[in-house]
N, C-alpha and C. Protein backbone atom coordinates (compact mmCIF):
# COMPACT_ATOMS: atom_id res chain seq x y z
N MET A 1 109.26 -230.47 -67.24
CA MET A 1 108.07 -231.12 -66.73
C MET A 1 107.26 -230.11 -65.90
N THR A 2 105.98 -230.05 -66.14
CA THR A 2 105.10 -229.14 -65.43
C THR A 2 104.53 -229.81 -64.19
N TRP A 3 104.60 -229.09 -63.08
CA TRP A 3 104.03 -229.59 -61.82
C TRP A 3 102.52 -229.46 -61.89
N LYS A 4 101.80 -230.53 -61.55
CA LYS A 4 100.35 -230.53 -61.64
C LYS A 4 99.74 -231.02 -60.32
N PRO A 5 99.43 -230.07 -59.43
CA PRO A 5 98.78 -230.47 -58.18
C PRO A 5 97.33 -230.89 -58.44
N HIS A 6 96.77 -231.62 -57.52
CA HIS A 6 95.40 -232.09 -57.62
C HIS A 6 94.51 -231.23 -56.74
N ALA A 7 93.39 -230.78 -57.27
CA ALA A 7 92.40 -230.01 -56.50
C ALA A 7 91.28 -230.96 -56.09
N THR A 8 91.07 -231.07 -54.79
CA THR A 8 90.05 -231.97 -54.27
C THR A 8 89.16 -231.25 -53.26
N VAL A 9 88.02 -231.87 -52.98
CA VAL A 9 87.14 -231.41 -51.91
C VAL A 9 87.04 -232.52 -50.88
N ALA A 10 86.73 -232.13 -49.65
CA ALA A 10 86.46 -233.09 -48.58
C ALA A 10 85.34 -232.51 -47.73
N VAL A 11 84.55 -233.40 -47.14
CA VAL A 11 83.35 -232.97 -46.42
C VAL A 11 83.35 -233.50 -45.00
N ILE A 12 83.14 -232.59 -44.05
CA ILE A 12 82.93 -232.95 -42.66
C ILE A 12 81.43 -232.85 -42.41
N ALA A 13 80.80 -233.98 -42.15
CA ALA A 13 79.38 -234.01 -41.80
C ALA A 13 79.24 -234.72 -40.47
N GLU A 14 78.59 -234.04 -39.52
CA GLU A 14 78.39 -234.60 -38.19
C GLU A 14 76.90 -234.75 -37.95
N ASP A 15 76.49 -235.89 -37.40
CA ASP A 15 75.08 -236.08 -37.08
C ASP A 15 74.78 -235.57 -35.68
N ASN A 16 73.52 -235.67 -35.28
CA ASN A 16 73.12 -235.14 -33.97
C ASN A 16 73.58 -236.01 -32.80
N LEU A 17 74.24 -237.13 -33.09
CA LEU A 17 74.81 -237.98 -32.05
C LEU A 17 76.32 -237.78 -31.91
N GLY A 18 76.86 -236.80 -32.66
CA GLY A 18 78.29 -236.52 -32.58
C GLY A 18 79.15 -237.47 -33.40
N ARG A 19 78.54 -238.14 -34.36
CA ARG A 19 79.29 -239.05 -35.23
C ARG A 19 79.57 -238.36 -36.57
N PHE A 20 80.68 -238.78 -37.19
CA PHE A 20 81.11 -238.18 -38.45
C PHE A 20 80.96 -239.18 -39.59
N LEU A 21 80.55 -238.65 -40.74
CA LEU A 21 80.36 -239.48 -41.94
C LEU A 21 81.72 -239.76 -42.57
N LEU A 22 82.08 -241.05 -42.63
CA LEU A 22 83.33 -241.46 -43.26
C LEU A 22 83.06 -242.50 -44.32
N VAL A 23 84.03 -242.65 -45.19
CA VAL A 23 83.97 -243.61 -46.29
C VAL A 23 85.05 -244.66 -46.06
N GLU A 24 84.66 -245.92 -46.16
CA GLU A 24 85.61 -247.02 -46.16
C GLU A 24 85.85 -247.37 -47.62
N GLU A 25 87.11 -247.32 -48.04
CA GLU A 25 87.40 -247.49 -49.46
C GLU A 25 88.72 -248.21 -49.66
N VAL A 26 88.97 -248.62 -50.88
CA VAL A 26 90.23 -249.24 -51.25
C VAL A 26 91.08 -248.20 -51.97
N SER A 27 92.30 -248.00 -51.46
CA SER A 27 93.24 -247.07 -52.07
C SER A 27 94.61 -247.73 -52.09
N ASN A 28 95.19 -247.82 -53.26
CA ASN A 28 96.50 -248.47 -53.43
C ASN A 28 96.52 -249.87 -52.82
N GLY A 29 95.43 -250.60 -52.99
CA GLY A 29 95.35 -251.98 -52.53
C GLY A 29 95.09 -252.15 -51.04
N LYS A 30 94.88 -251.05 -50.31
CA LYS A 30 94.62 -251.11 -48.88
C LYS A 30 93.22 -250.58 -48.58
N VAL A 31 92.60 -251.12 -47.54
CA VAL A 31 91.33 -250.59 -47.06
C VAL A 31 91.63 -249.42 -46.13
N VAL A 32 91.09 -248.26 -46.44
CA VAL A 32 91.34 -247.04 -45.66
C VAL A 32 90.02 -246.31 -45.40
N PHE A 33 90.08 -245.34 -44.50
CA PHE A 33 88.92 -244.52 -44.16
C PHE A 33 89.25 -243.06 -44.46
N ASN A 34 88.26 -242.35 -44.99
CA ASN A 34 88.44 -240.96 -45.41
C ASN A 34 87.11 -240.24 -45.25
N GLN A 35 87.16 -238.92 -45.25
CA GLN A 35 85.92 -238.17 -45.41
C GLN A 35 85.42 -238.42 -46.83
N PRO A 36 84.14 -238.17 -47.07
CA PRO A 36 83.72 -238.13 -48.47
C PRO A 36 84.60 -237.08 -49.15
N ALA A 37 85.26 -237.48 -50.22
CA ALA A 37 86.23 -236.58 -50.85
C ALA A 37 86.51 -237.03 -52.27
N GLY A 38 87.00 -236.09 -53.06
CA GLY A 38 87.38 -236.45 -54.42
C GLY A 38 87.77 -235.23 -55.23
N HIS A 39 88.16 -235.49 -56.45
CA HIS A 39 88.64 -234.45 -57.34
C HIS A 39 87.50 -233.54 -57.82
N ILE A 40 87.86 -232.29 -57.98
CA ILE A 40 86.95 -231.33 -58.61
C ILE A 40 87.08 -231.54 -60.11
N GLU A 41 85.97 -231.70 -60.77
CA GLU A 41 86.00 -231.94 -62.22
C GLU A 41 86.12 -230.63 -62.99
N GLU A 42 86.64 -230.74 -64.21
CA GLU A 42 86.78 -229.56 -65.05
C GLU A 42 85.42 -228.87 -65.22
N ASP A 43 85.40 -227.55 -65.09
CA ASP A 43 84.20 -226.71 -65.24
C ASP A 43 83.15 -226.96 -64.15
N GLU A 44 83.51 -227.64 -63.07
CA GLU A 44 82.58 -227.90 -61.98
C GLU A 44 82.77 -226.87 -60.87
N ALA A 45 81.69 -226.31 -60.38
CA ALA A 45 81.77 -225.42 -59.23
C ALA A 45 82.22 -226.23 -58.01
N ILE A 46 83.02 -225.63 -57.16
CA ILE A 46 83.57 -226.35 -56.01
C ILE A 46 82.45 -226.87 -55.10
N LEU A 47 81.45 -226.05 -54.82
CA LEU A 47 80.36 -226.50 -53.95
C LEU A 47 79.55 -227.62 -54.61
N ASP A 48 79.47 -227.61 -55.93
CA ASP A 48 78.82 -228.73 -56.62
C ASP A 48 79.64 -230.01 -56.44
N ALA A 49 80.97 -229.88 -56.45
CA ALA A 49 81.84 -231.05 -56.22
C ALA A 49 81.63 -231.59 -54.82
N VAL A 50 81.45 -230.71 -53.84
CA VAL A 50 81.17 -231.13 -52.46
C VAL A 50 79.92 -232.00 -52.42
N ARG A 51 78.86 -231.51 -53.05
CA ARG A 51 77.59 -232.25 -53.05
C ARG A 51 77.71 -233.57 -53.82
N ARG A 52 78.34 -233.51 -55.01
CA ARG A 52 78.45 -234.68 -55.87
C ARG A 52 79.30 -235.77 -55.23
N GLU A 53 80.48 -235.41 -54.74
CA GLU A 53 81.37 -236.43 -54.17
C GLU A 53 80.72 -237.10 -52.96
N THR A 54 80.05 -236.33 -52.12
CA THR A 54 79.41 -236.92 -50.94
C THR A 54 78.31 -237.88 -51.37
N LEU A 55 77.50 -237.48 -52.34
CA LEU A 55 76.43 -238.35 -52.82
C LEU A 55 76.99 -239.62 -53.45
N GLU A 56 78.01 -239.47 -54.30
CA GLU A 56 78.59 -240.64 -54.98
C GLU A 56 79.25 -241.61 -54.01
N GLU A 57 79.88 -241.09 -52.98
CA GLU A 57 80.65 -241.96 -52.08
C GLU A 57 79.86 -242.47 -50.88
N THR A 58 78.77 -241.78 -50.52
CA THR A 58 78.03 -242.19 -49.32
C THR A 58 76.54 -242.42 -49.55
N GLY A 59 75.99 -241.90 -50.63
CA GLY A 59 74.55 -241.96 -50.85
C GLY A 59 73.79 -240.86 -50.14
N TRP A 60 74.50 -239.96 -49.44
CA TRP A 60 73.87 -238.88 -48.69
C TRP A 60 73.89 -237.57 -49.47
N GLU A 61 72.76 -236.87 -49.46
CA GLU A 61 72.71 -235.49 -49.93
C GLU A 61 73.15 -234.60 -48.78
N VAL A 62 74.00 -233.62 -49.09
CA VAL A 62 74.45 -232.67 -48.08
C VAL A 62 74.30 -231.25 -48.61
N GLU A 63 74.29 -230.32 -47.67
CA GLU A 63 74.31 -228.90 -48.02
C GLU A 63 75.48 -228.26 -47.28
N PRO A 64 76.45 -227.71 -48.03
CA PRO A 64 77.60 -227.08 -47.39
C PRO A 64 77.17 -225.95 -46.45
N SER A 65 77.80 -225.89 -45.27
CA SER A 65 77.49 -224.88 -44.27
C SER A 65 78.55 -223.79 -44.22
N TYR A 66 79.80 -224.22 -44.19
CA TYR A 66 80.91 -223.26 -44.16
C TYR A 66 82.19 -223.95 -44.61
N PHE A 67 83.20 -223.11 -44.84
CA PHE A 67 84.50 -223.53 -45.34
C PHE A 67 85.46 -223.67 -44.16
N LEU A 68 86.20 -224.77 -44.11
CA LEU A 68 87.20 -224.96 -43.06
C LEU A 68 88.58 -224.47 -43.47
N GLY A 69 88.95 -224.68 -44.72
CA GLY A 69 90.26 -224.24 -45.18
C GLY A 69 90.78 -225.08 -46.32
N VAL A 70 91.95 -224.69 -46.82
CA VAL A 70 92.65 -225.45 -47.85
C VAL A 70 93.80 -226.16 -47.15
N TYR A 71 93.88 -227.46 -47.34
CA TYR A 71 94.89 -228.29 -46.70
C TYR A 71 95.78 -228.87 -47.79
N THR A 72 97.09 -228.81 -47.58
CA THR A 72 98.04 -229.32 -48.56
C THR A 72 98.61 -230.64 -48.06
N TYR A 73 98.68 -231.61 -48.96
CA TYR A 73 99.20 -232.93 -48.60
C TYR A 73 99.99 -233.49 -49.78
N LYS A 74 101.20 -233.95 -49.51
CA LYS A 74 102.00 -234.65 -50.53
C LYS A 74 101.96 -236.13 -50.19
N ALA A 75 101.32 -236.89 -51.05
CA ALA A 75 101.11 -238.32 -50.80
C ALA A 75 102.40 -239.10 -50.99
N PRO A 76 102.79 -239.85 -49.95
CA PRO A 76 104.02 -240.63 -50.08
C PRO A 76 103.93 -241.73 -51.12
N ALA A 77 102.73 -242.25 -51.36
CA ALA A 77 102.57 -243.38 -52.29
C ALA A 77 102.88 -242.99 -53.73
N ASN A 78 102.48 -241.77 -54.13
CA ASN A 78 102.68 -241.40 -55.53
C ASN A 78 103.41 -240.07 -55.70
N GLY A 79 103.72 -239.37 -54.60
CA GLY A 79 104.43 -238.10 -54.67
C GLY A 79 103.59 -236.94 -55.13
N ALA A 80 102.30 -237.17 -55.38
CA ALA A 80 101.41 -236.11 -55.85
C ALA A 80 101.07 -235.14 -54.71
N THR A 81 100.92 -233.88 -55.07
CA THR A 81 100.48 -232.86 -54.11
C THR A 81 98.99 -232.63 -54.29
N TYR A 82 98.28 -232.67 -53.18
CA TYR A 82 96.83 -232.47 -53.18
C TYR A 82 96.50 -231.19 -52.42
N TYR A 83 95.64 -230.36 -53.02
CA TYR A 83 95.06 -229.22 -52.33
C TYR A 83 93.62 -229.60 -52.02
N ARG A 84 93.34 -229.74 -50.74
CA ARG A 84 92.04 -230.22 -50.26
C ARG A 84 91.23 -229.03 -49.77
N PHE A 85 90.14 -228.72 -50.47
CA PHE A 85 89.20 -227.70 -50.03
C PHE A 85 88.20 -228.39 -49.12
N CYS A 86 88.32 -228.13 -47.82
CA CYS A 86 87.48 -228.85 -46.86
C CYS A 86 86.31 -228.00 -46.41
N TYR A 87 85.13 -228.61 -46.43
CA TYR A 87 83.88 -227.94 -46.06
C TYR A 87 83.14 -228.71 -44.99
N ALA A 88 82.49 -227.99 -44.11
CA ALA A 88 81.52 -228.59 -43.20
C ALA A 88 80.18 -228.56 -43.93
N ALA A 89 79.41 -229.62 -43.77
CA ALA A 89 78.12 -229.69 -44.45
C ALA A 89 77.10 -230.39 -43.56
N LYS A 90 75.85 -230.05 -43.79
CA LYS A 90 74.75 -230.70 -43.07
C LYS A 90 74.25 -231.87 -43.93
N ALA A 91 74.21 -233.05 -43.31
CA ALA A 91 73.66 -234.22 -44.01
C ALA A 91 72.14 -234.09 -44.01
N LEU A 92 71.55 -234.10 -45.19
CA LEU A 92 70.11 -233.90 -45.31
C LEU A 92 69.34 -235.22 -45.29
N ARG A 93 69.75 -236.14 -46.14
CA ARG A 93 69.05 -237.43 -46.21
C ARG A 93 69.87 -238.39 -47.06
N GLN A 94 69.75 -239.68 -46.73
CA GLN A 94 70.37 -240.70 -47.56
C GLN A 94 69.39 -241.06 -48.66
N VAL A 95 69.84 -240.95 -49.91
CA VAL A 95 68.94 -241.14 -51.03
C VAL A 95 69.25 -242.37 -51.87
N THR A 96 70.41 -242.97 -51.66
CA THR A 96 70.75 -244.17 -52.43
C THR A 96 71.74 -245.02 -51.64
N SER A 97 71.77 -246.28 -51.98
CA SER A 97 72.78 -247.17 -51.39
C SER A 97 73.84 -247.55 -52.42
N GLU A 98 73.70 -247.04 -53.65
CA GLU A 98 74.69 -247.29 -54.70
C GLU A 98 75.86 -246.34 -54.51
N LEU A 99 77.07 -246.91 -54.38
CA LEU A 99 78.26 -246.11 -54.11
C LEU A 99 79.28 -246.27 -55.22
N ASP A 100 80.16 -245.29 -55.34
CA ASP A 100 81.22 -245.30 -56.35
C ASP A 100 82.04 -246.58 -56.31
N THR A 101 82.65 -246.91 -57.43
CA THR A 101 83.59 -248.02 -57.52
C THR A 101 84.73 -247.77 -56.54
N GLY A 102 85.12 -248.81 -55.81
CA GLY A 102 86.19 -248.69 -54.84
C GLY A 102 85.73 -248.34 -53.44
N ILE A 103 84.46 -247.92 -53.32
CA ILE A 103 83.90 -247.61 -52.01
C ILE A 103 83.29 -248.89 -51.44
N ILE A 104 83.70 -249.25 -50.24
CA ILE A 104 83.17 -250.44 -49.58
C ILE A 104 81.87 -250.11 -48.86
N ALA A 105 81.88 -249.01 -48.09
CA ALA A 105 80.70 -248.62 -47.31
C ALA A 105 80.91 -247.22 -46.76
N SER A 106 79.80 -246.61 -46.34
CA SER A 106 79.90 -245.37 -45.57
C SER A 106 79.55 -245.70 -44.13
N HIS A 107 80.13 -244.94 -43.21
CA HIS A 107 79.95 -245.18 -41.77
C HIS A 107 79.79 -243.87 -41.03
N TRP A 108 79.01 -243.89 -39.97
CA TRP A 108 78.96 -242.78 -39.02
C TRP A 108 79.76 -243.21 -37.81
N LEU A 109 80.90 -242.54 -37.56
CA LEU A 109 81.82 -242.93 -36.49
C LEU A 109 82.06 -241.77 -35.53
N THR A 110 82.26 -242.11 -34.25
CA THR A 110 82.60 -241.10 -33.26
C THR A 110 84.06 -240.69 -33.44
N LEU A 111 84.43 -239.58 -32.83
CA LEU A 111 85.81 -239.14 -32.91
C LEU A 111 86.75 -240.17 -32.31
N ASP A 112 86.37 -240.79 -31.20
CA ASP A 112 87.22 -241.84 -30.61
C ASP A 112 87.39 -243.02 -31.56
N GLU A 113 86.32 -243.43 -32.22
CA GLU A 113 86.43 -244.54 -33.19
C GLU A 113 87.36 -244.15 -34.33
N ILE A 114 87.28 -242.91 -34.77
CA ILE A 114 88.14 -242.44 -35.86
C ILE A 114 89.60 -242.42 -35.41
N ARG A 115 89.84 -241.92 -34.22
CA ARG A 115 91.22 -241.90 -33.70
C ARG A 115 91.80 -243.31 -33.62
N HIS A 116 90.97 -244.28 -33.24
CA HIS A 116 91.44 -245.66 -33.12
C HIS A 116 91.75 -246.32 -34.47
N LEU A 117 91.31 -245.71 -35.55
CA LEU A 117 91.63 -246.26 -36.88
C LEU A 117 93.11 -246.10 -37.20
N GLY A 118 93.75 -245.10 -36.61
CA GLY A 118 95.20 -244.91 -36.77
C GLY A 118 95.68 -244.95 -38.20
N GLN A 119 96.49 -245.95 -38.53
CA GLN A 119 97.08 -246.08 -39.85
C GLN A 119 96.07 -246.41 -40.94
N GLN A 120 94.84 -246.75 -40.54
CA GLN A 120 93.81 -247.01 -41.54
C GLN A 120 93.21 -245.73 -42.11
N LEU A 121 93.55 -244.57 -41.54
CA LEU A 121 93.09 -243.31 -42.12
C LEU A 121 93.85 -243.07 -43.41
N ARG A 122 93.16 -242.61 -44.41
CA ARG A 122 93.79 -242.44 -45.73
C ARG A 122 94.96 -241.47 -45.67
N SER A 123 94.83 -240.42 -44.87
CA SER A 123 95.93 -239.47 -44.68
C SER A 123 95.74 -238.79 -43.33
N PRO A 124 96.77 -238.10 -42.86
CA PRO A 124 96.63 -237.36 -41.60
C PRO A 124 95.59 -236.24 -41.68
N LEU A 125 95.24 -235.84 -42.89
CA LEU A 125 94.26 -234.77 -43.06
C LEU A 125 92.87 -235.17 -42.56
N VAL A 126 92.57 -236.46 -42.56
CA VAL A 126 91.26 -236.92 -42.09
C VAL A 126 91.03 -236.44 -40.66
N LEU A 127 91.94 -236.74 -39.79
CA LEU A 127 91.81 -236.36 -38.39
C LEU A 127 92.02 -234.86 -38.20
N GLN A 128 92.97 -234.28 -38.93
CA GLN A 128 93.23 -232.85 -38.79
C GLN A 128 92.00 -232.02 -39.14
N CYS A 129 91.31 -232.37 -40.20
CA CYS A 129 90.11 -231.62 -40.60
C CYS A 129 89.01 -231.74 -39.53
N ILE A 130 88.83 -232.92 -38.98
CA ILE A 130 87.83 -233.10 -37.92
C ILE A 130 88.21 -232.30 -36.69
N GLU A 131 89.47 -232.34 -36.31
CA GLU A 131 89.94 -231.58 -35.14
C GLU A 131 89.72 -230.08 -35.37
N ASP A 132 90.04 -229.58 -36.56
CA ASP A 132 89.83 -228.16 -36.86
C ASP A 132 88.34 -227.82 -36.79
N TYR A 133 87.50 -228.69 -37.32
CA TYR A 133 86.05 -228.50 -37.24
C TYR A 133 85.61 -228.42 -35.77
N ARG A 134 86.05 -229.36 -34.97
CA ARG A 134 85.65 -229.39 -33.55
C ARG A 134 86.20 -228.21 -32.76
N ASN A 135 87.33 -227.65 -33.22
CA ASN A 135 87.90 -226.48 -32.56
C ASN A 135 87.28 -225.17 -33.04
N GLY A 136 86.25 -225.27 -33.90
CA GLY A 136 85.51 -224.08 -34.31
C GLY A 136 86.07 -223.33 -35.50
N ARG A 137 86.99 -223.94 -36.22
CA ARG A 137 87.53 -223.27 -37.41
C ARG A 137 86.42 -223.18 -38.45
N GLN A 138 86.13 -221.97 -38.90
CA GLN A 138 85.12 -221.82 -39.96
C GLN A 138 85.21 -220.47 -40.63
N PHE A 139 84.93 -220.51 -41.92
CA PHE A 139 84.91 -219.31 -42.74
C PHE A 139 83.63 -219.37 -43.58
N PRO A 140 83.10 -218.21 -43.97
CA PRO A 140 81.90 -218.23 -44.80
C PRO A 140 82.17 -218.91 -46.15
N LEU A 141 81.13 -219.47 -46.71
CA LEU A 141 81.27 -220.17 -47.99
C LEU A 141 81.84 -219.25 -49.09
N ASP A 142 81.50 -217.97 -49.03
CA ASP A 142 81.94 -217.07 -50.09
C ASP A 142 83.40 -216.62 -49.95
N VAL A 143 84.15 -217.18 -48.98
CA VAL A 143 85.57 -216.86 -48.88
C VAL A 143 86.32 -217.47 -50.08
N VAL A 144 85.77 -218.52 -50.66
CA VAL A 144 86.34 -219.10 -51.88
C VAL A 144 85.57 -218.53 -53.06
N ILE A 145 86.27 -217.80 -53.90
CA ILE A 145 85.66 -217.20 -55.07
C ILE A 145 85.75 -218.21 -56.21
N ASP A 146 84.61 -218.68 -56.65
CA ASP A 146 84.56 -219.73 -57.66
C ASP A 146 83.88 -219.15 -58.91
N GLY A 147 84.64 -218.95 -59.95
CA GLY A 147 84.11 -218.40 -61.19
C GLY A 147 83.07 -219.27 -61.85
N GLN A 148 82.91 -220.52 -61.37
CA GLN A 148 81.95 -221.46 -61.95
C GLN A 148 80.53 -221.23 -61.42
N THR A 149 80.42 -220.54 -60.28
CA THR A 149 79.08 -220.37 -59.69
C THR A 149 78.43 -219.10 -60.13
């Protein structure tokens, strides 16, 4: 059997009031909160996946600013390993209210509100990525070499 990890992107977007863009969604029959995030599609540039997933899940157009890092997570629900390419991005404008299937709503939440979600966070990576962002972790966008761009 061949091991097949999942390659995903996640986006940290903060507004000028110090709130973060999160997605309320249904995962494995539970309502959870996550950054705008999702799988990178075949032949898709990673930064294009950042823009696409954020638009599909929140209705917001974003422009990636810098790279935070690659985060590894093994999901207890299905045993799958996820490699999360996390990016900070500037929210430009909300262009639609139509959201992906399974998405309940998008929200702008403060860090305290996010911390209070506790077990409602989709994974520990949600808070870890925000904490790393707030602690100044950042790398230039070109640290990830993407043959698709």
